[in-house]
Amino acid sequence: QQQLVTFLESLDGVREVNQSRMVANILTDFNRLVA
């Protein structure tokens, strides 16, 4: 998610990019923990 957000924020004409950072971090960390 973060690398895509960085790309989107760099585009001309884009005013704002809303992301679900907390959800992404929770899912990623929990996936890693279970593994």
PDB file of all heavy atoms in Angstrom:
ATOM      1  N   GLN A   1       0.808  -1.211   0.000  1.00  0.00           N
ATOM      2  CA  GLN A   1       0.000   0.000   0.000  1.00  0.00           C
ATOM      3  C   GLN A   1       0.847   1.270   0.000  1.00  0.00           C
ATOM      4  O   GLN A   1       0.590   2.194  -0.778  1.00  0.00           O
ATOM      5  CB  GLN A   1      -0.932   0.011   1.220  1.00  0.00           C
ATOM      6  CG  GLN A   1      -1.800   1.250   1.306  1.00  0.00           C
ATOM      7  CD  GLN A   1      -2.773   1.178   2.461  1.00  0.00           C
ATOM      8  OE1 GLN A   1      -3.962   0.962   2.250  1.00  0.00           O
ATOM      9  NE2 GLN A   1      -2.293   1.357   3.675  1.00  0.00           N
ATOM     10  N   GLN A   2       1.869   1.328   0.841  1.00  0.00           N
ATOM     11  CA  GLN A   2       2.620   2.562   1.008  1.00  0.00           C
ATOM     12  C   GLN A   2       3.338   2.984  -0.272  1.00  0.00           C
ATOM     13  O   GLN A   2       3.361   4.171  -0.619  1.00  0.00           O
ATOM     14  CB  GLN A   2       3.627   2.426   2.155  1.00  0.00           C
ATOM     15  CG  GLN A   2       4.301   3.736   2.549  1.00  0.00           C
ATOM     16  CD  GLN A   2       3.300   4.836   2.864  1.00  0.00           C
ATOM     17  OE1 GLN A   2       2.374   4.653   3.638  1.00  0.00           O
ATOM     18  NE2 GLN A   2       3.471   6.003   2.238  1.00  0.00           N
ATOM     19  N   GLN A   3       3.923   2.022  -0.989  1.00  0.00           N
ATOM     20  CA  GLN A   3       4.634   2.392  -2.207  1.00  0.00           C
ATOM     21  C   GLN A   3       3.674   2.881  -3.290  1.00  0.00           C
ATOM     22  O   GLN A   3       4.014   3.783  -4.074  1.00  0.00           O
ATOM     23  CB  GLN A   3       5.472   1.222  -2.714  1.00  0.00           C
ATOM     24  CG  GLN A   3       4.682  -0.012  -3.135  1.00  0.00           C
ATOM     25  CD  GLN A   3       5.584  -1.219  -3.340  1.00  0.00           C
ATOM     26  OE1 GLN A   3       6.303  -1.648  -2.441  1.00  0.00           O
ATOM     27  NE2 GLN A   3       5.545  -1.767  -4.538  1.00  0.00           N
ATOM     28  N   LEU A   4       2.452   2.348  -3.306  1.00  0.00           N
ATOM     29  CA  LEU A   4       1.467   2.842  -4.259  1.00  0.00           C
ATOM     30  C   LEU A   4       1.000   4.233  -3.865  1.00  0.00           C
ATOM     31  O   LEU A   4       0.820   5.106  -4.733  1.00  0.00           O
ATOM     32  CB  LEU A   4       0.280   1.885  -4.339  1.00  0.00           C
ATOM     33  CG  LEU A   4      -0.838   2.298  -5.303  1.00  0.00           C
ATOM     34  CD1 LEU A   4      -0.304   2.416  -6.726  1.00  0.00           C
ATOM     35  CD2 LEU A   4      -2.001   1.313  -5.245  1.00  0.00           C
ATOM     36  N   VAL A   5       0.802   4.475  -2.573  1.00  0.00           N
ATOM     37  CA  VAL A   5       0.389   5.791  -2.101  1.00  0.00           C
ATOM     38  C   VAL A   5       1.431   6.842  -2.465  1.00  0.00           C
ATOM     39  O   VAL A   5       1.108   7.947  -2.912  1.00  0.00           O
ATOM     40  CB  VAL A   5       0.157   5.780  -0.574  1.00  0.00           C
ATOM     41  CG1 VAL A   5      -0.002   7.202  -0.035  1.00  0.00           C
ATOM     42  CG2 VAL A   5      -1.077   4.946  -0.241  1.00  0.00           C
ATOM     43  N   THR A   6       2.701   6.501  -2.290  1.00  0.00           N
ATOM     44  CA  THR A   6       3.788   7.426  -2.640  1.00  0.00           C
ATOM     45  C   THR A   6       3.727   7.792  -4.125  1.00  0.00           C
ATOM     46  O   THR A   6       3.899   8.957  -4.504  1.00  0.00           O
ATOM     47  CB  THR A   6       5.155   6.809  -2.315  1.00  0.00           C
ATOM     48  OG1 THR A   6       5.201   6.494  -0.920  1.00  0.00           O
ATOM     49  CG2 THR A   6       6.286   7.756  -2.652  1.00  0.00           C
ATOM     50  N   PHE A   7       3.461   6.794  -4.977  1.00  0.00           N
ATOM     51  CA  PHE A   7       3.349   7.048  -6.410  1.00  0.00           C
ATOM     52  C   PHE A   7       2.151   7.942  -6.716  1.00  0.00           C
ATOM     53  O   PHE A   7       2.252   8.908  -7.490  1.00  0.00           O
ATOM     54  CB  PHE A   7       3.216   5.728  -7.163  1.00  0.00           C
ATOM     55  CG  PHE A   7       2.781   5.878  -8.590  1.00  0.00           C
ATOM     56  CD1 PHE A   7       3.664   6.317  -9.557  1.00  0.00           C
ATOM     57  CD2 PHE A   7       1.466   5.601  -8.964  1.00  0.00           C
ATOM     58  CE1 PHE A   7       3.259   6.472 -10.885  1.00  0.00           C
ATOM     59  CE2 PHE A   7       1.054   5.750 -10.273  1.00  0.00           C
ATOM     60  CZ  PHE A   7       1.955   6.188 -11.237  1.00  0.00           C
ATOM     61  N   LEU A   8       1.023   7.648  -6.104  1.00  0.00           N
ATOM     62  CA  LEU A   8      -0.195   8.414  -6.374  1.00  0.00           C
ATOM     63  C   LEU A   8      -0.048   9.870  -5.949  1.00  0.00           C
ATOM     64  O   LEU A   8      -0.516  10.780  -6.637  1.00  0.00           O
ATOM     65  CB  LEU A   8      -1.384   7.773  -5.661  1.00  0.00           C
ATOM     66  CG  LEU A   8      -1.793   6.374  -6.150  1.00  0.00           C
ATOM     67  CD1 LEU A   8      -2.868   5.787  -5.237  1.00  0.00           C
ATOM     68  CD2 LEU A   8      -2.286   6.424  -7.587  1.00  0.00           C
ATOM     69  N   GLU A   9       0.585  10.093  -4.819  1.00  0.00           N
ATOM     70  CA  GLU A   9       0.770  11.462  -4.332  1.00  0.00           C
ATOM     71  C   GLU A   9       1.688  12.275  -5.228  1.00  0.00           C
ATOM     72  O   GLU A   9       1.657  13.505  -5.193  1.00  0.00           O
ATOM     73  CB  GLU A   9       1.325  11.421  -2.908  1.00  0.00           C
ATOM     74  CG  GLU A   9       0.309  10.924  -1.877  1.00  0.00           C
ATOM     75  CD  GLU A   9       0.899  10.793  -0.487  1.00  0.00           C
ATOM     76  OE1 GLU A   9       2.161  10.678  -0.389  1.00  0.00           O
ATOM     77  OE2 GLU A   9       0.144  10.788   0.503  1.00  0.00           O
ATOM     78  N   SER A  10       2.496  11.587  -6.044  1.00  0.00           N
ATOM     79  CA  SER A  10       3.416  12.298  -6.937  1.00  0.00           C
ATOM     80  C   SER A  10       2.768  12.707  -8.257  1.00  0.00           C
ATOM     81  O   SER A  10       3.366  13.451  -9.043  1.00  0.00           O
ATOM     82  CB  SER A  10       4.637  11.420  -7.230  1.00  0.00           C
ATOM     83  OG  SER A  10       4.271  10.295  -8.026  1.00  0.00           O
ATOM     84  N   LEU A  11       1.549  12.258  -8.519  1.00  0.00           N
ATOM     85  CA  LEU A  11       0.888  12.551  -9.792  1.00  0.00           C
ATOM     86  C   LEU A  11       0.305  13.970  -9.796  1.00  0.00           C
ATOM     87  O   LEU A  11      -0.276  14.425  -8.807  1.00  0.00           O
ATOM     88  CB  LEU A  11      -0.238  11.538 -10.041  1.00  0.00           C
ATOM     89  CG  LEU A  11       0.168  10.074 -10.230  1.00  0.00           C
ATOM     90  CD1 LEU A  11      -1.065   9.196 -10.373  1.00  0.00           C
ATOM     91  CD2 LEU A  11       1.080   9.920 -11.453  1.00  0.00           C
ATOM     92  N   ASP A  12       0.455  14.647 -10.917  1.00  0.00           N
ATOM     93  CA  ASP A  12      -0.138  15.983 -11.080  1.00  0.00           C
ATOM     94  C   ASP A  12      -1.657  15.867 -11.120  1.00  0.00           C
ATOM     95  O   ASP A  12      -2.202  14.980 -11.801  1.00  0.00           O
ATOM     96  CB  ASP A  12       0.366  16.628 -12.377  1.00  0.00           C
ATOM     97  CG  ASP A  12       1.850  16.976 -12.303  1.00  0.00           C
ATOM     98  OD1 ASP A  12       2.339  17.181 -11.175  1.00  0.00           O
ATOM     99  OD2 ASP A  12       2.499  17.037 -13.370  1.00  0.00           O
ATOM    100  N   GLY A  13      -2.323  16.750 -10.418  1.00  0.00           N
ATOM    101  CA  GLY A  13      -3.784  16.752 -10.397  1.00  0.00           C
ATOM    102  C   GLY A  13      -4.385  16.003  -9.222  1.00  0.00           C
ATOM    103  O   GLY A  13      -5.594  16.067  -9.003  1.00  0.00           O
ATOM    104  N   VAL A  14      -3.550  15.300  -8.467  1.00  0.00           N
ATOM    105  CA  VAL A  14      -4.049  14.570  -7.301  1.00  0.00           C
ATOM    106  C   VAL A  14      -3.981  15.478  -6.081  1.00  0.00           C
ATOM    107  O   VAL A  14      -2.917  15.971  -5.711  1.00  0.00           O
ATOM    108  CB  VAL A  14      -3.222  13.283  -7.054  1.00  0.00           C
ATOM    109  CG1 VAL A  14      -3.633  12.641  -5.725  1.00  0.00           C
ATOM    110  CG2 VAL A  14      -3.412  12.313  -8.206  1.00  0.00           C
ATOM    111  N   ARG A  15      -5.157  15.708  -5.466  1.00  0.00           N
ATOM    112  CA  ARG A  15      -5.224  16.590  -4.305  1.00  0.00           C
ATOM    113  C   ARG A  15      -4.963  15.843  -3.000  1.00  0.00           C
ATOM    114  O   ARG A  15      -4.290  16.349  -2.108  1.00  0.00           O
ATOM    115  CB  ARG A  15      -6.615  17.232  -4.237  1.00  0.00           C
ATOM    116  CG  ARG A  15      -6.798  18.174  -3.044  1.00  0.00           C
ATOM    117  CD  ARG A  15      -8.183  18.789  -3.012  1.00  0.00           C
ATOM    118  NE  ARG A  15      -9.171  17.894  -2.431  1.00  0.00           N
ATOM    119  CZ  ARG A  15     -10.206  17.374  -3.073  1.00  0.00           C
ATOM    120  NH1 ARG A  15     -10.392  17.644  -4.346  1.00  0.00           N
ATOM    121  NH2 ARG A  15     -11.056  16.574  -2.462  1.00  0.00           N
ATOM    122  N   GLU A  16      -5.474  14.615  -2.909  1.00  0.00           N
ATOM    123  CA  GLU A  16      -5.395  13.892  -1.638  1.00  0.00           C
ATOM    124  C   GLU A  16      -5.472  12.392  -1.908  1.00  0.00           C
ATOM    125  O   GLU A  16      -6.175  11.945  -2.820  1.00  0.00           O
ATOM    126  CB  GLU A  16      -6.548  14.329  -0.726  1.00  0.00           C
ATOM    127  CG  GLU A  16      -6.526  13.712   0.655  1.00  0.00           C
ATOM    128  CD  GLU A  16      -7.700  14.195   1.500  1.00  0.00           C
ATOM    129  OE1 GLU A  16      -8.472  15.061   1.017  1.00  0.00           O
ATOM    130  OE2 GLU A  16      -7.849  13.707   2.639  1.00  0.00           O
ATOM    131  N   VAL A  17      -4.751  11.629  -1.104  1.00  0.00           N
ATOM    132  CA  VAL A  17      -4.798  10.164  -1.176  1.00  0.00           C
ATOM    133  C   VAL A  17      -5.111   9.643   0.220  1.00  0.00           C
ATOM    134  O   VAL A  17      -4.340   9.847   1.156  1.00  0.00           O
ATOM    135  CB  VAL A  17      -3.465   9.570  -1.672  1.00  0.00           C
ATOM    136  CG1 VAL A  17      -3.546   8.047  -1.682  1.00  0.00           C
ATOM    137  CG2 VAL A  17      -3.122  10.099  -3.057  1.00  0.00           C
ATOM    138  N   ASN A  18      -6.265   8.984   0.361  1.00  0.00           N
ATOM    139  CA  ASN A  18      -6.671   8.421   1.650  1.00  0.00           C
ATOM    140  C   ASN A  18      -6.350   6.933   1.667  1.00  0.00           C
ATOM    141  O   ASN A  18      -6.713   6.195   0.749  1.00  0.00           O
ATOM    142  CB  ASN A  18      -8.168   8.631   1.890  1.00  0.00           C
ATOM    143  CG  ASN A  18      -8.524  10.094   1.989  1.00  0.00           C
ATOM    144  OD1 ASN A  18      -7.758  10.890   2.532  1.00  0.00           O
ATOM    145  ND2 ASN A  18      -9.680  10.474   1.456  1.00  0.00           N
ATOM    146  N   GLN A  19      -5.671   6.497   2.717  1.00  0.00           N
ATOM    147  CA  GLN A  19      -5.280   5.098   2.816  1.00  0.00           C
ATOM    148  C   GLN A  19      -5.687   4.526   4.173  1.00  0.00           C
ATOM    149  O   GLN A  19      -5.898   5.264   5.136  1.00  0.00           O
ATOM    150  CB  GLN A  19      -3.760   4.960   2.660  1.00  0.00           C
ATOM    151  CG  GLN A  19      -2.969   5.732   3.709  1.00  0.00           C
ATOM    152  CD  GLN A  19      -1.483   5.494   3.588  1.00  0.00           C
ATOM    153  OE1 GLN A  19      -1.042   4.360   3.457  1.00  0.00           O
ATOM    154  NE2 GLN A  19      -0.696   6.568   3.627  1.00  0.00           N
ATOM    155  N   SER A  20      -5.764   3.189   4.226  1.00  0.00           N
ATOM    156  CA  SER A  20      -6.087   2.485   5.472  1.00  0.00           C
ATOM    157  C   SER A  20      -4.790   1.912   6.043  1.00  0.00           C
ATOM    158  O   SER A  20      -4.530   0.716   5.994  1.00  0.00           O
ATOM    159  CB  SER A  20      -7.099   1.371   5.213  1.00  0.00           C
ATOM    160  OG  SER A  20      -8.258   1.876   4.615  1.00  0.00           O
ATOM    161  N   ARG A  21      -3.950   2.798   6.557  1.00  0.00           N
ATOM    162  CA  ARG A  21      -2.626   2.386   7.019  1.00  0.00           C
ATOM    163  C   ARG A  21      -2.701   1.411   8.182  1.00  0.00           C
ATOM    164  O   ARG A  21      -1.974   0.424   8.226  1.00  0.00           O
ATOM    165  CB  ARG A  21      -1.814   3.619   7.414  1.00  0.00           C
ATOM    166  CG  ARG A  21      -0.409   3.298   7.905  1.00  0.00           C
ATOM    167  CD  ARG A  21       0.390   4.569   8.145  1.00  0.00           C
ATOM    168  NE  ARG A  21       0.580   5.314   6.910  1.00  0.00           N
ATOM    169  CZ  ARG A  21       1.153   6.510   6.855  1.00  0.00           C
ATOM    170  NH1 ARG A  21       1.579   7.092   7.957  1.00  0.00           N
ATOM    171  NH2 ARG A  21       1.299   7.128   5.689  1.00  0.00           N
ATOM    172  N   MET A  22      -3.594   1.660   9.127  1.00  0.00           N
ATOM    173  CA  MET A  22      -3.679   0.791  10.301  1.00  0.00           C
ATOM    174  C   MET A  22      -4.112  -0.614   9.906  1.00  0.00           C
ATOM    175  O   MET A  22      -3.539  -1.610  10.363  1.00  0.00           O
ATOM    176  CB  MET A  22      -4.668   1.368  11.317  1.00  0.00           C
ATOM    177  CG  MET A  22      -4.786   0.537  12.591  1.00  0.00           C
ATOM    178  SD  MET A  22      -5.897   1.282  13.808  1.00  0.00           S
ATOM    179  CE  MET A  22      -4.972   2.763  14.214  1.00  0.00           C
ATOM    180  N   VAL A  23      -5.128  -0.706   9.049  1.00  0.00           N
ATOM    181  CA  VAL A  23      -5.605  -2.022   8.602  1.00  0.00           C
ATOM    182  C   VAL A  23      -4.507  -2.753   7.863  1.00  0.00           C
ATOM    183  O   VAL A  23      -4.283  -3.951   8.071  1.00  0.00           O
ATOM    184  CB  VAL A  23      -6.850  -1.862   7.702  1.00  0.00           C
ATOM    185  CG1 VAL A  23      -7.271  -3.203   7.122  1.00  0.00           C
ATOM    186  CG2 VAL A  23      -7.999  -1.248   8.481  1.00  0.00           C
ATOM    187  N   ALA A  24      -3.805  -2.055   6.988  1.00  0.00           N
ATOM    188  CA  ALA A  24      -2.724  -2.676   6.222  1.00  0.00           C
ATOM    189  C   ALA A  24      -1.630  -3.202   7.148  1.00  0.00           C
ATOM    190  O   ALA A  24      -1.139  -4.325   6.975  1.00  0.00           O
ATOM    191  CB  ALA A  24      -2.141  -1.673   5.237  1.00  0.00           C
ATOM    192  N   ASN A  25      -1.247  -2.409   8.135  1.00  0.00           N
ATOM    193  CA  ASN A  25      -0.192  -2.831   9.066  1.00  0.00           C
ATOM    194  C   ASN A  25      -0.628  -4.028   9.895  1.00  0.00           C
ATOM    195  O   ASN A  25       0.160  -4.958  10.131  1.00  0.00           O
ATOM    196  CB  ASN A  25       0.190  -1.669   9.987  1.00  0.00           C
ATOM    197  CG  ASN A  25       0.917  -0.561   9.248  1.00  0.00           C
ATOM    198  OD1 ASN A  25       1.463  -0.790   8.170  1.00  0.00           O
ATOM    199  ND2 ASN A  25       0.926   0.637   9.806  1.00  0.00           N
ATOM    200  N   ILE A  26      -1.876  -4.008  10.364  1.00  0.00           N
ATOM    201  CA  ILE A  26      -2.374  -5.120  11.173  1.00  0.00           C
ATOM    202  C   ILE A  26      -2.394  -6.412  10.367  1.00  0.00           C
ATOM    203  O   ILE A  26      -1.936  -7.467  10.829  1.00  0.00           O
ATOM    204  CB  ILE A  26      -3.782  -4.801  11.708  1.00  0.00           C
ATOM    205  CG1 ILE A  26      -3.710  -3.703  12.773  1.00  0.00           C
ATOM    206  CG2 ILE A  26      -4.433  -6.051  12.310  1.00  0.00           C
ATOM    207  CD1 ILE A  26      -5.063  -3.223  13.242  1.00  0.00           C
ATOM    208  N   LEU A  27      -2.916  -6.363   9.154  1.00  0.00           N
ATOM    209  CA  LEU A  27      -2.991  -7.562   8.319  1.00  0.00           C
ATOM    210  C   LEU A  27      -1.603  -8.092   7.979  1.00  0.00           C
ATOM    211  O   LEU A  27      -1.343  -9.299   8.039  1.00  0.00           O
ATOM    212  CB  LEU A  27      -3.769  -7.258   7.039  1.00  0.00           C
ATOM    213  CG  LEU A  27      -5.271  -6.969   7.207  1.00  0.00           C
ATOM    214  CD1 LEU A  27      -5.885  -6.574   5.881  1.00  0.00           C
ATOM    215  CD2 LEU A  27      -5.979  -8.186   7.777  1.00  0.00           C
ATOM    216  N   THR A  28      -0.697  -7.190   7.612  1.00  0.00           N
ATOM    217  CA  THR A  28       0.663  -7.603   7.258  1.00  0.00           C
ATOM    218  C   THR A  28       1.381  -8.222   8.445  1.00  0.00           C
ATOM    219  O   THR A  28       2.000  -9.290   8.337  1.00  0.00           O
ATOM    220  CB  THR A  28       1.463  -6.399   6.733  1.00  0.00           C
ATOM    221  OG1 THR A  28       0.793  -5.845   5.596  1.00  0.00           O
ATOM    222  CG2 THR A  28       2.863  -6.830   6.318  1.00  0.00           C
ATOM    223  N   ASP A  29       1.311  -7.572   9.618  1.00  0.00           N
ATOM    224  CA  ASP A  29       2.002  -8.079  10.805  1.00  0.00           C
ATOM    225  C   ASP A  29       1.412  -9.397  11.281  1.00  0.00           C
ATOM    226  O   ASP A  29       2.152 -10.305  11.687  1.00  0.00           O
ATOM    227  CB  ASP A  29       1.926  -7.039  11.936  1.00  0.00           C
ATOM    228  CG  ASP A  29       2.726  -5.786  11.630  1.00  0.00           C
ATOM    229  OD1 ASP A  29       3.568  -5.844  10.712  1.00  0.00           O
ATOM    230  OD2 ASP A  29       2.512  -4.758  12.289  1.00  0.00           O
ATOM    231  N   PHE A  30       0.088  -9.509  11.239  1.00  0.00           N
ATOM    232  CA  PHE A  30      -0.545 -10.749  11.701  1.00  0.00           C
ATOM    233  C   PHE A  30      -0.224 -11.898  10.761  1.00  0.00           C
ATOM    234  O   PHE A  30       0.002 -13.033  11.205  1.00  0.00           O
ATOM    235  CB  PHE A  30      -2.056 -10.558  11.803  1.00  0.00           C
ATOM    236  CG  PHE A  30      -2.729 -11.591  12.662  1.00  0.00           C
ATOM    237  CD1 PHE A  30      -2.536 -11.593  14.030  1.00  0.00           C
ATOM    238  CD2 PHE A  30      -3.539 -12.556  12.101  1.00  0.00           C
ATOM    239  CE1 PHE A  30      -3.147 -12.539  14.832  1.00  0.00           C
ATOM    240  CE2 PHE A  30      -4.152 -13.513  12.890  1.00  0.00           C
ATOM    241  CZ  PHE A  30      -3.959 -13.494  14.256  1.00  0.00           C
ATOM    242  N   ASN A  31      -0.200 -11.631   9.470  1.00  0.00           N
ATOM    243  CA  ASN A  31       0.213 -12.654   8.495  1.00  0.00           C
ATOM    244  C   ASN A  31       1.609 -13.166   8.813  1.00  0.00           C
ATOM    245  O   ASN A  31       1.879 -14.369   8.820  1.00  0.00           O
ATOM    246  CB  ASN A  31       0.198 -12.066   7.083  1.00  0.00           C
ATOM    247  CG  ASN A  31      -0.995 -12.534   6.282  1.00  0.00           C
ATOM    248  OD1 ASN A  31      -1.609 -13.530   6.622  1.00  0.00           O
ATOM    249  ND2 ASN A  31      -1.326 -11.813   5.241  1.00  0.00           N
ATOM    250  N   ARG A  32       2.529 -12.236   9.072  1.00  0.00           N
ATOM    251  CA  ARG A  32       3.913 -12.597   9.356  1.00  0.00           C
ATOM    252  C   ARG A  32       4.017 -13.383  10.662  1.00  0.00           C
ATOM    253  O   ARG A  32       4.746 -14.371  10.754  1.00  0.00           O
ATOM    254  CB  ARG A  32       4.766 -11.326   9.416  1.00  0.00           C
ATOM    255  CG  ARG A  32       6.267 -11.599   9.482  1.00  0.00           C
ATOM    256  CD  ARG A  32       7.066 -10.312   9.516  1.00  0.00           C
ATOM    257  NE  ARG A  32       6.885  -9.543   8.291  1.00  0.00           N
ATOM    258  CZ  ARG A  32       6.301  -8.358   8.223  1.00  0.00           C
ATOM    259  NH1 ARG A  32       5.828  -7.787   9.323  1.00  0.00           N
ATOM    260  NH2 ARG A  32       6.187  -7.720   7.074  1.00  0.00           N
ATOM    261  N   LEU A  33       3.274 -12.969  11.681  1.00  0.00           N
ATOM    262  CA  LEU A  33       3.310 -13.648  12.979  1.00  0.00           C
ATOM    263  C   LEU A  33       2.821 -15.085  12.863  1.00  0.00           C
ATOM    264  O   LEU A  33       3.459 -16.012  13.391  1.00  0.00           O
ATOM    265  CB  LEU A  33       2.440 -12.885  13.982  1.00  0.00           C
ATOM    266  CG  LEU A  33       2.295 -13.515  15.372  1.00  0.00           C
ATOM    267  CD1 LEU A  33       3.644 -13.594  16.066  1.00  0.00           C
ATOM    268  CD2 LEU A  33       1.299 -12.736  16.213  1.00  0.00           C
ATOM    269  N   VAL A  34       1.710 -15.289  12.184  1.00  0.00           N
ATOM    270  CA  VAL A  34       1.165 -16.637  12.011  1.00  0.00           C
ATOM    271  C   VAL A  34       2.156 -17.531  11.269  1.00  0.00           C
ATOM    272  O   VAL A  34       2.365 -18.688  11.632  1.00  0.00           O
ATOM    273  CB  VAL A  34      -0.181 -16.584  11.259  1.00  0.00           C
ATOM    274  CG1 VAL A  34      -0.636 -17.979  10.859  1.00  0.00           C
ATOM    275  CG2 VAL A  34      -1.241 -15.929  12.124  1.00  0.00           C
ATOM    276  N   ALA A  35       2.799 -16.996  10.250  1.00  0.00           N
ATOM    277  CA  ALA A  35       3.766 -17.773   9.477  1.00  0.00           C
ATOM    278  C   ALA A  35       4.966 -18.172  10.338  1.00  0.00           C
ATOM    279  O   ALA A  35       5.406 -19.329  10.309  1.00  0.00           O
ATOM    280  CB  ALA A  35       4.232 -16.979   8.263  1.00  0.00           C
TER     281      ALA A  35
END
